[in-house]
């Protein structure tokens, strides 16, 4: 990355997270080899690879290490105890949230104290503003390489590609397919290459979750793969203007890493 925020050159940065590398022997250490893992892990890995300066990766349970850094980036609060969030709030950190947050006073204090709160979509911002008062909010989609997605001759079937969890809406996807007499291919715990290959030829992508998702990388990939997306307003990307325009999404995700670091550092 060529653009480094002003005064960031000699800064020490601690990245506090529970989205840690899973397999240090794989080509991309944040992923199980070839597996289609969670969006948070994929996004964090891409951002760390694009970091314009050295970053100390601090596991959430070692959060006290971050107190000596010049700047703290917190990506995910799930495993931080209340004491950690209260003390890290004094550091005026960058807080980056991948999903809507459990509500308690320590987490509110952390979000309100952040020098910037980074979220993916307007829908997620609306949820967090219901109970917090962040000083500054920046919206940045997950960085992706649009050229990984391709469009081939479309076949009359649909794809559902998620973790196998009730909140991801597998039953709703099956019901939609049944009601519309459309063959549904369900992928879970599948190699990433298989998911992208399936999206390339599928006419429809179905994602009807029961719980809120701040973004949904899979939905973005489906748009970039030329699929018609059957989804609902629990999918955060649908709150982004022009989200069904593959050209617009391609531009946003291809520049997201640089944008993210420009807003994340003081």
C-alpha atoms as a PDB file:
ATOM      1  CA  UNK A   1       0.000   0.000   0.000  1.00  0.00           C
ATOM      2  CA  UNK A   2       1.455   3.361  -1.006  1.00  0.00           C
ATOM      3  CA  UNK A   3      -0.592   5.755   1.106  1.00  0.00           C
ATOM      4  CA  UNK A   4       0.276   5.844   4.826  1.00  0.00           C
ATOM      5  CA  UNK A   5      -1.752   8.147   7.079  1.00  0.00           C
ATOM      6  CA  UNK A   6       0.093  11.204   8.332  1.00  0.00           C
ATOM      7  CA  UNK A   7       2.305  10.600  11.399  1.00  0.00           C
ATOM      8  CA  UNK A   8       1.865   6.807  11.171  1.00  0.00           C
ATOM      9  CA  UNK A   9       5.436   6.044  10.151  1.00  0.00           C
ATOM     10  CA  UNK A  10       6.967   5.369  13.570  1.00  0.00           C
ATOM     11  CA  UNK A  11       3.779   4.339  15.339  1.00  0.00           C
ATOM     12  CA  UNK A  12       3.461   1.074  17.259  1.00  0.00           C
ATOM     13  CA  UNK A  13       0.095  -0.549  16.633  1.00  0.00           C
ATOM     14  CA  UNK A  14      -1.508  -3.396  18.578  1.00  0.00           C
ATOM     15  CA  UNK A  15      -4.245  -5.367  16.799  1.00  0.00           C
ATOM     16  CA  UNK A  16      -6.440  -6.993  19.459  1.00  0.00           C
ATOM     17  CA  UNK A  17      -8.586  -9.817  18.113  1.00  0.00           C
ATOM     18  CA  UNK A  18      -9.955 -13.298  18.542  1.00  0.00           C
ATOM     19  CA  UNK A  19      -9.903 -13.870  14.760  1.00  0.00           C
ATOM     20  CA  UNK A  20      -6.513 -15.545  14.954  1.00  0.00           C
ATOM     21  CA  UNK A  21      -4.573 -17.641  12.426  1.00  0.00           C
ATOM     22  CA  UNK A  22      -5.859 -21.216  12.364  1.00  0.00           C
ATOM     23  CA  UNK A  23      -3.210 -23.020  10.349  1.00  0.00           C
ATOM     24  CA  UNK A  24       0.228 -21.421  10.129  1.00  0.00           C
ATOM     25  CA  UNK A  25       1.325 -24.003   7.543  1.00  0.00           C
ATOM     26  CA  UNK A  26      -1.263 -22.967   4.962  1.00  0.00           C
ATOM     27  CA  UNK A  27      -0.648 -20.403   2.237  1.00  0.00           C
ATOM     28  CA  UNK A  28      -3.108 -18.072   3.939  1.00  0.00           C
ATOM     29  CA  UNK A  29      -2.634 -18.678   7.662  1.00  0.00           C
ATOM     30  CA  UNK A  30      -5.979 -17.219   8.665  1.00  0.00           C
ATOM     31  CA  UNK A  31      -7.850 -19.969   6.822  1.00  0.00           C
ATOM     32  CA  UNK A  32      -8.148 -23.679   7.121  1.00  0.00           C
ATOM     33  CA  UNK A  33      -6.533 -24.932   3.893  1.00  0.00           C
ATOM     34  CA  UNK A  34      -8.934 -24.241   1.051  1.00  0.00           C
ATOM     35  CA  UNK A  35     -11.969 -23.975   3.319  1.00  0.00           C
ATOM     36  CA  UNK A  36     -14.711 -21.385   3.018  1.00  0.00           C
ATOM     37  CA  UNK A  37     -14.351 -19.989   6.543  1.00  0.00           C
ATOM     38  CA  UNK A  38     -16.063 -17.105   8.285  1.00  0.00           C
ATOM     39  CA  UNK A  39     -16.071 -13.654   6.759  1.00  0.00           C
ATOM     40  CA  UNK A  40     -14.485 -12.019   9.813  1.00  0.00           C
ATOM     41  CA  UNK A  41     -11.389 -14.216   9.591  1.00  0.00           C
ATOM     42  CA  UNK A  42     -11.078 -13.614   5.857  1.00  0.00           C
ATOM     43  CA  UNK A  43     -11.474  -9.864   6.202  1.00  0.00           C
ATOM     44  CA  UNK A  44      -8.986  -9.555   9.064  1.00  0.00           C
ATOM     45  CA  UNK A  45      -6.419 -11.656   7.201  1.00  0.00           C
ATOM     46  CA  UNK A  46      -6.666  -9.462   4.102  1.00  0.00           C
ATOM     47  CA  UNK A  47      -6.375  -6.254   6.118  1.00  0.00           C
ATOM     48  CA  UNK A  48      -3.339  -7.522   8.009  1.00  0.00           C
ATOM     49  CA  UNK A  49      -1.662  -8.494   4.741  1.00  0.00           C
ATOM     50  CA  UNK A  50      -2.272  -4.943   3.472  1.00  0.00           C
ATOM     51  CA  UNK A  51      -1.054  -3.193   6.648  1.00  0.00           C
ATOM     52  CA  UNK A  52       1.159  -0.174   5.803  1.00  0.00           C
ATOM     53  CA  UNK A  53       3.238  -0.644   8.982  1.00  0.00           C
ATOM     54  CA  UNK A  54       4.187  -3.374  11.421  1.00  0.00           C
ATOM     55  CA  UNK A  55       1.303  -4.582  13.579  1.00  0.00           C
ATOM     56  CA  UNK A  56       1.512  -6.580  16.816  1.00  0.00           C
ATOM     57  CA  UNK A  57      -1.191  -9.251  16.671  1.00  0.00           C
ATOM     58  CA  UNK A  58      -2.536  -9.535  20.237  1.00  0.00           C
ATOM     59  CA  UNK A  59      -4.926 -12.366  21.203  1.00  0.00           C
ATOM     60  CA  UNK A  60      -7.945 -11.081  23.099  1.00  0.00           C
ATOM     61  CA  UNK A  61      -6.894 -12.968  26.247  1.00  0.00           C
ATOM     62  CA  UNK A  62      -3.528 -11.136  26.204  1.00  0.00           C
ATOM     63  CA  UNK A  63      -5.134  -7.711  25.877  1.00  0.00           C
ATOM     64  CA  UNK A  64      -2.897  -6.090  28.493  1.00  0.00           C
ATOM     65  CA  UNK A  65      -0.008  -6.261  26.002  1.00  0.00           C
ATOM     66  CA  UNK A  66      -1.824  -3.647  23.937  1.00  0.00           C
ATOM     67  CA  UNK A  67      -1.652  -1.024  26.697  1.00  0.00           C
ATOM     68  CA  UNK A  68       1.937  -0.128  25.766  1.00  0.00           C
ATOM     69  CA  UNK A  69       1.194   0.541  22.077  1.00  0.00           C
ATOM     70  CA  UNK A  70       0.869   3.984  20.533  1.00  0.00           C
ATOM     71  CA  UNK A  71      -2.435   2.987  18.980  1.00  0.00           C
ATOM     72  CA  UNK A  72      -4.813   0.072  19.463  1.00  0.00           C
ATOM     73  CA  UNK A  73      -7.066  -1.533  16.872  1.00  0.00           C
ATOM     74  CA  UNK A  74      -9.777  -3.810  18.270  1.00  0.00           C
ATOM     75  CA  UNK A  75     -11.447  -6.094  15.773  1.00  0.00           C
ATOM     76  CA  UNK A  76     -14.113  -8.016  17.625  1.00  0.00           C
ATOM     77  CA  UNK A  77     -15.041  -7.608  21.290  1.00  0.00           C
ATOM     78  CA  UNK A  78     -16.555 -11.042  21.874  1.00  0.00           C
ATOM     79  CA  UNK A  79     -13.806 -12.434  24.121  1.00  0.00           C
ATOM     80  CA  UNK A  80     -12.787  -9.211  25.875  1.00  0.00           C
ATOM     81  CA  UNK A  81     -13.759  -9.052  29.563  1.00  0.00           C
ATOM     82  CA  UNK A  82     -15.374  -5.880  30.873  1.00  0.00           C
ATOM     83  CA  UNK A  83     -12.130  -4.776  32.536  1.00  0.00           C
ATOM     84  CA  UNK A  84     -10.309  -5.019  29.212  1.00  0.00           C
ATOM     85  CA  UNK A  85     -12.893  -2.924  27.379  1.00  0.00           C
ATOM     86  CA  UNK A  86     -12.866  -0.268  30.104  1.00  0.00           C
ATOM     87  CA  UNK A  87      -9.077   0.040  30.157  1.00  0.00           C
ATOM     88  CA  UNK A  88      -8.702  -0.118  26.390  1.00  0.00           C
ATOM     89  CA  UNK A  89     -11.310   2.647  26.080  1.00  0.00           C
ATOM     90  CA  UNK A  90      -8.726   4.965  27.687  1.00  0.00           C
ATOM     91  CA  UNK A  91      -6.476   4.316  24.645  1.00  0.00           C
ATOM     92  CA  UNK A  92      -9.085   5.834  22.288  1.00  0.00           C
ATOM     93  CA  UNK A  93      -8.740   2.841  19.970  1.00  0.00           C
ATOM     94  CA  UNK A  94     -10.002   2.092  16.512  1.00  0.00           C
ATOM     95  CA  UNK A  95     -12.910  -0.321  16.973  1.00  0.00           C
ATOM     96  CA  UNK A  96     -13.880  -2.512  14.030  1.00  0.00           C
ATOM     97  CA  UNK A  97     -17.023  -4.603  14.418  1.00  0.00           C
ATOM     98  CA  UNK A  98     -18.009  -7.528  12.204  1.00  0.00           C
ATOM     99  CA  UNK A  99     -21.452  -8.051  13.760  1.00  0.00           C
ATOM    100  CA  UNK A 100     -24.013  -6.394  16.011  1.00  0.00           C
ATOM    101  CA  UNK A 101     -22.808  -6.263  19.595  1.00  0.00           C
ATOM    102  CA  UNK A 102     -24.083  -7.637  22.891  1.00  0.00           C
ATOM    103  CA  UNK A 103     -25.099  -4.630  24.936  1.00  0.00           C
ATOM    104  CA  UNK A 104     -23.441  -3.820  28.240  1.00  0.00           C
ATOM    105  CA  UNK A 105     -21.916  -0.752  29.850  1.00  0.00           C
ATOM    106  CA  UNK A 106     -18.261  -1.672  29.284  1.00  0.00           C
ATOM    107  CA  UNK A 107     -18.818  -2.256  25.577  1.00  0.00           C
ATOM    108  CA  UNK A 108     -20.772   1.002  25.303  1.00  0.00           C
ATOM    109  CA  UNK A 109     -17.870   2.820  26.972  1.00  0.00           C
ATOM    110  CA  UNK A 110     -15.401   1.279  24.515  1.00  0.00           C
ATOM    111  CA  UNK A 111     -17.435   2.184  21.439  1.00  0.00           C
ATOM    112  CA  UNK A 112     -18.123   5.723  22.657  1.00  0.00           C
ATOM    113  CA  UNK A 113     -14.425   6.287  23.410  1.00  0.00           C
ATOM    114  CA  UNK A 114     -13.164   5.011  20.053  1.00  0.00           C
ATOM    115  CA  UNK A 115     -11.363   7.516  17.859  1.00  0.00           C
ATOM    116  CA  UNK A 116     -13.253   5.834  15.010  1.00  0.00           C
ATOM    117  CA  UNK A 117     -15.823   3.056  14.812  1.00  0.00           C
ATOM    118  CA  UNK A 118     -15.514   1.100  11.559  1.00  0.00           C
ATOM    119  CA  UNK A 119     -18.522  -0.848  10.340  1.00  0.00           C
ATOM    120  CA  UNK A 120     -19.426  -2.382   7.009  1.00  0.00           C
ATOM    121  CA  UNK A 121     -22.900  -1.085   6.218  1.00  0.00           C
ATOM    122  CA  UNK A 122     -25.531   1.560   7.025  1.00  0.00           C
ATOM    123  CA  UNK A 123     -27.796  -1.126   8.475  1.00  0.00           C
ATOM    124  CA  UNK A 124     -25.185  -2.065  11.051  1.00  0.00           C
ATOM    125  CA  UNK A 125     -24.533   1.576  11.901  1.00  0.00           C
ATOM    126  CA  UNK A 126     -28.250   2.078  12.590  1.00  0.00           C
ATOM    127  CA  UNK A 127     -28.258  -0.858  15.020  1.00  0.00           C
ATOM    128  CA  UNK A 128     -25.214   0.286  17.006  1.00  0.00           C
ATOM    129  CA  UNK A 129     -26.473   3.877  17.190  1.00  0.00           C
ATOM    130  CA  UNK A 130     -29.560   2.617  19.010  1.00  0.00           C
ATOM    131  CA  UNK A 131     -27.492   2.224  22.182  1.00  0.00           C
ATOM    132  CA  UNK A 132     -24.128   3.982  21.656  1.00  0.00           C
ATOM    133  CA  UNK A 133     -22.885   7.444  20.688  1.00  0.00           C
ATOM    134  CA  UNK A 134     -19.710   6.945  18.667  1.00  0.00           C
ATOM    135  CA  UNK A 135     -17.630  10.034  17.952  1.00  0.00           C
ATOM    136  CA  UNK A 136     -17.018   9.071  14.332  1.00  0.00           C
ATOM    137  CA  UNK A 137     -18.271   6.222  12.158  1.00  0.00           C
ATOM    138  CA  UNK A 138     -16.715   5.069   8.894  1.00  0.00           C
ATOM    139  CA  UNK A 139     -18.323   2.471   6.627  1.00  0.00           C
ATOM    140  CA  UNK A 140     -15.961   0.201   4.705  1.00  0.00           C
ATOM    141  CA  UNK A 141     -16.842  -3.068   2.995  1.00  0.00           C
ATOM    142  CA  UNK A 142     -14.590  -6.092   3.337  1.00  0.00           C
ATOM    143  CA  UNK A 143     -11.619  -6.038   0.970  1.00  0.00           C
ATOM    144  CA  UNK A 144     -11.906  -8.625  -1.784  1.00  0.00           C
ATOM    145  CA  UNK A 145     -10.337  -9.408  -5.119  1.00  0.00           C
ATOM    146  CA  UNK A 146     -13.223  -9.209  -7.626  1.00  0.00           C
ATOM    147  CA  UNK A 147     -11.248 -11.193 -10.194  1.00  0.00           C
ATOM    148  CA  UNK A 148     -11.711 -14.298  -8.028  1.00  0.00           C
ATOM    149  CA  UNK A 149     -15.367 -14.208  -9.034  1.00  0.00           C
ATOM    150  CA  UNK A 150     -16.349 -15.021 -12.594  1.00  0.00           C
ATOM    151  CA  UNK A 151     -19.510 -15.352 -14.649  1.00  0.00           C
ATOM    152  CA  UNK A 152     -20.125 -18.397 -16.814  1.00  0.00           C
ATOM    153  CA  UNK A 153     -23.164 -19.713 -18.661  1.00  0.00           C
ATOM    154  CA  UNK A 154     -25.908 -19.686 -16.050  1.00  0.00           C
ATOM    155  CA  UNK A 155     -27.809 -22.842 -15.156  1.00  0.00           C
ATOM    156  CA  UNK A 156     -31.319 -22.916 -13.710  1.00  0.00           C
ATOM    157  CA  UNK A 157     -30.432 -23.753 -10.142  1.00  0.00           C
ATOM    158  CA  UNK A 158     -29.748 -21.842  -6.930  1.00  0.00           C
ATOM    159  CA  UNK A 159     -26.876 -21.950  -4.451  1.00  0.00           C
ATOM    160  CA  UNK A 160     -26.901 -21.552  -0.676  1.00  0.00           C
ATOM    161  CA  UNK A 161     -23.366 -21.312   0.795  1.00  0.00           C
ATOM    162  CA  UNK A 162     -23.093 -20.668   4.536  1.00  0.00           C
ATOM    163  CA  UNK A 163     -22.095 -22.185   7.839  1.00  0.00           C
ATOM    164  CA  UNK A 164     -24.631 -24.817   8.815  1.00  0.00           C
ATOM    165  CA  UNK A 165     -26.447 -22.894  11.523  1.00  0.00           C
ATOM    166  CA  UNK A 166     -30.168 -22.243  11.949  1.00  0.00           C
ATOM    167  CA  UNK A 167     -29.614 -18.469  11.950  1.00  0.00           C
ATOM    168  CA  UNK A 168     -28.092 -18.731   8.474  1.00  0.00           C
ATOM    169  CA  UNK A 169     -31.528 -19.735   7.195  1.00  0.00           C
ATOM    170  CA  UNK A 170     -31.007 -23.157   5.589  1.00  0.00           C
ATOM    171  CA  UNK A 171     -34.685 -24.050   6.082  1.00  0.00           C
ATOM    172  CA  UNK A 172     -35.854 -20.760   4.581  1.00  0.00           C
ATOM    173  CA  UNK A 173     -33.628 -21.375   1.552  1.00  0.00           C
ATOM    174  CA  UNK A 174     -35.077 -24.860   1.084  1.00  0.00           C
ATOM    175  CA  UNK A 175     -38.622 -23.513   1.375  1.00  0.00           C
ATOM    176  CA  UNK A 176     -37.955 -20.800  -1.223  1.00  0.00           C
ATOM    177  CA  UNK A 177     -36.521 -23.361  -3.626  1.00  0.00           C
ATOM    178  CA  UNK A 178     -39.426 -25.736  -3.086  1.00  0.00           C
ATOM    179  CA  UNK A 179     -42.067 -23.038  -3.526  1.00  0.00           C
ATOM    180  CA  UNK A 180     -40.438 -21.905  -6.775  1.00  0.00           C
ATOM    181  CA  UNK A 181     -39.646 -25.417  -8.048  1.00  0.00           C
ATOM    182  CA  UNK A 182     -35.947 -24.597  -8.313  1.00  0.00           C
ATOM    183  CA  UNK A 183     -33.107 -27.027  -7.670  1.00  0.00           C
ATOM    184  CA  UNK A 184     -31.014 -25.877  -4.690  1.00  0.00           C
ATOM    185  CA  UNK A 185     -27.352 -26.713  -4.179  1.00  0.00           C
ATOM    186  CA  UNK A 186     -26.410 -26.328  -0.509  1.00  0.00           C
ATOM    187  CA  UNK A 187     -22.749 -25.850   0.353  1.00  0.00           C
ATOM    188  CA  UNK A 188     -21.317 -25.794   3.851  1.00  0.00           C
ATOM    189  CA  UNK A 189     -17.761 -26.432   5.025  1.00  0.00           C
ATOM    190  CA  UNK A 190     -16.800 -26.493   1.346  1.00  0.00           C
ATOM    191  CA  UNK A 191     -13.517 -25.503  -0.297  1.00  0.00           C
ATOM    192  CA  UNK A 192     -13.614 -21.881  -1.378  1.00  0.00           C
ATOM    193  CA  UNK A 193     -12.852 -22.849  -4.957  1.00  0.00           C
ATOM    194  CA  UNK A 194     -15.979 -25.032  -5.034  1.00  0.00           C
ATOM    195  CA  UNK A 195     -18.147 -22.187  -3.741  1.00  0.00           C
ATOM    196  CA  UNK A 196     -16.858 -19.736  -6.353  1.00  0.00           C
ATOM    197  CA  UNK A 197     -17.197 -22.349  -9.101  1.00  0.00           C
ATOM    198  CA  UNK A 198     -20.813 -22.937  -8.056  1.00  0.00           C
ATOM    199  CA  UNK A 199     -21.647 -19.232  -7.944  1.00  0.00           C
ATOM    200  CA  UNK A 200     -20.178 -18.753 -11.418  1.00  0.00           C
ATOM    201  CA  UNK A 201     -22.825 -20.996 -13.000  1.00  0.00           C
ATOM    202  CA  UNK A 202     -25.800 -20.548 -10.639  1.00  0.00           C
ATOM    203  CA  UNK A 203     -28.664 -18.326 -11.763  1.00  0.00           C
ATOM    204  CA  UNK A 204     -29.740 -17.598  -8.178  1.00  0.00           C
ATOM    205  CA  UNK A 205     -28.049 -17.189  -4.815  1.00  0.00           C
ATOM    206  CA  UNK A 206     -30.325 -17.647  -1.804  1.00  0.00           C
ATOM    207  CA  UNK A 207     -29.582 -16.192   1.614  1.00  0.00           C
ATOM    208  CA  UNK A 208     -32.521 -15.615   3.963  1.00  0.00           C
ATOM    209  CA  UNK A 209     -30.961 -15.463   7.433  1.00  0.00           C
ATOM    210  CA  UNK A 210     -32.955 -15.307  10.638  1.00  0.00           C
ATOM    211  CA  UNK A 211     -30.342 -13.153  12.393  1.00  0.00           C
ATOM    212  CA  UNK A 212     -28.746  -9.867  11.338  1.00  0.00           C
ATOM    213  CA  UNK A 213     -25.501  -9.953   9.338  1.00  0.00           C
ATOM    214  CA  UNK A 214     -23.503  -6.765   9.108  1.00  0.00           C
ATOM    215  CA  UNK A 215     -22.434  -7.414   5.519  1.00  0.00           C
ATOM    216  CA  UNK A 216     -22.465 -10.979   4.044  1.00  0.00           C
ATOM    217  CA  UNK A 217     -19.367 -11.580   1.967  1.00  0.00           C
ATOM    218  CA  UNK A 218     -21.090 -14.487   0.219  1.00  0.00           C
ATOM    219  CA  UNK A 219     -23.829 -12.184  -1.054  1.00  0.00           C
ATOM    220  CA  UNK A 220     -21.228  -9.762  -2.420  1.00  0.00           C
ATOM    221  CA  UNK A 221     -19.458 -12.646  -4.154  1.00  0.00           C
ATOM    222  CA  UNK A 222     -22.763 -13.801  -5.596  1.00  0.00           C
ATOM    223  CA  UNK A 223     -23.416 -10.349  -7.078  1.00  0.00           C
ATOM    224  CA  UNK A 224     -19.901 -10.300  -8.542  1.00  0.00           C
ATOM    225  CA  UNK A 225     -20.598 -13.762  -9.981  1.00  0.00           C
ATOM    226  CA  UNK A 226     -23.686 -12.535 -11.806  1.00  0.00           C
ATOM    227  CA  UNK A 227     -26.253 -14.291  -9.610  1.00  0.00           C
ATOM    228  CA  UNK A 228     -29.720 -12.986  -8.904  1.00  0.00           C
ATOM    229  CA  UNK A 229     -29.733 -12.660  -5.105  1.00  0.00           C
ATOM    230  CA  UNK A 230     -32.758 -13.788  -3.118  1.00  0.00           C
ATOM    231  CA  UNK A 231     -32.252 -12.246   0.291  1.00  0.00           C
ATOM    232  CA  UNK A 232     -33.806 -10.081   3.007  1.00  0.00           C
ATOM    233  CA  UNK A 233     -33.114  -6.911   4.977  1.00  0.00           C
ATOM    234  CA  UNK A 234     -31.228  -8.860   7.658  1.00  0.00           C
ATOM    235  CA  UNK A 235     -28.342  -8.949   5.189  1.00  0.00           C
ATOM    236  CA  UNK A 236     -26.440  -5.718   5.741  1.00  0.00           C
ATOM    237  CA  UNK A 237     -25.110  -5.313   2.207  1.00  0.00           C
ATOM    238  CA  UNK A 238     -28.683  -4.675   1.037  1.00  0.00           C
ATOM    239  CA  UNK A 239     -28.546  -1.305   2.853  1.00  0.00           C
ATOM    240  CA  UNK A 240     -25.705  -0.107   0.589  1.00  0.00           C
ATOM    241  CA  UNK A 241     -26.895   2.024  -2.322  1.00  0.00           C
ATOM    242  CA  UNK A 242     -26.485   0.160  -5.596  1.00  0.00           C
ATOM    243  CA  UNK A 243     -25.525  -3.107  -3.923  1.00  0.00           C
ATOM    244  CA  UNK A 244     -26.845  -5.158  -6.843  1.00  0.00           C
ATOM    245  CA  UNK A 245     -24.557  -3.318  -9.276  1.00  0.00           C
ATOM    246  CA  UNK A 246     -21.537  -5.585  -9.754  1.00  0.00           C
ATOM    247  CA  UNK A 247     -19.428  -2.732 -11.102  1.00  0.00           C
ATOM    248  CA  UNK A 248     -20.057  -0.559  -8.059  1.00  0.00           C
ATOM    249  CA  UNK A 249     -19.412  -3.399  -5.629  1.00  0.00           C
ATOM    250  CA  UNK A 250     -16.239  -4.352  -7.470  1.00  0.00           C
ATOM    251  CA  UNK A 251     -14.880  -0.829  -7.065  1.00  0.00           C
ATOM    252  CA  UNK A 252     -15.798  -0.665  -3.366  1.00  0.00           C
ATOM    253  CA  UNK A 253     -14.254  -3.994  -2.355  1.00  0.00           C
ATOM    254  CA  UNK A 254     -11.121  -3.642  -4.494  1.00  0.00           C
ATOM    255  CA  UNK A 255     -10.211  -0.349  -2.783  1.00  0.00           C
ATOM    256  CA  UNK A 256     -11.482  -1.324   0.676  1.00  0.00           C
ATOM    257  CA  UNK A 257      -8.128  -2.275   2.243  1.00  0.00           C
ATOM    258  CA  UNK A 258      -6.521   1.053   1.414  1.00  0.00           C
ATOM    259  CA  UNK A 259      -9.625   2.943   2.534  1.00  0.00           C
ATOM    260  CA  UNK A 260      -9.751   0.941   5.771  1.00  0.00           C
ATOM    261  CA  UNK A 261      -6.181   1.749   6.785  1.00  0.00           C
ATOM    262  CA  UNK A 262      -6.594   5.407   5.897  1.00  0.00           C
ATOM    263  CA  UNK A 263      -9.455   5.732   8.395  1.00  0.00           C
ATOM    264  CA  UNK A 264      -8.126   3.294  11.007  1.00  0.00           C
ATOM    265  CA  UNK A 265      -4.904   5.108  11.888  1.00  0.00           C
ATOM    266  CA  UNK A 266      -4.756   8.500  13.608  1.00  0.00           C
END
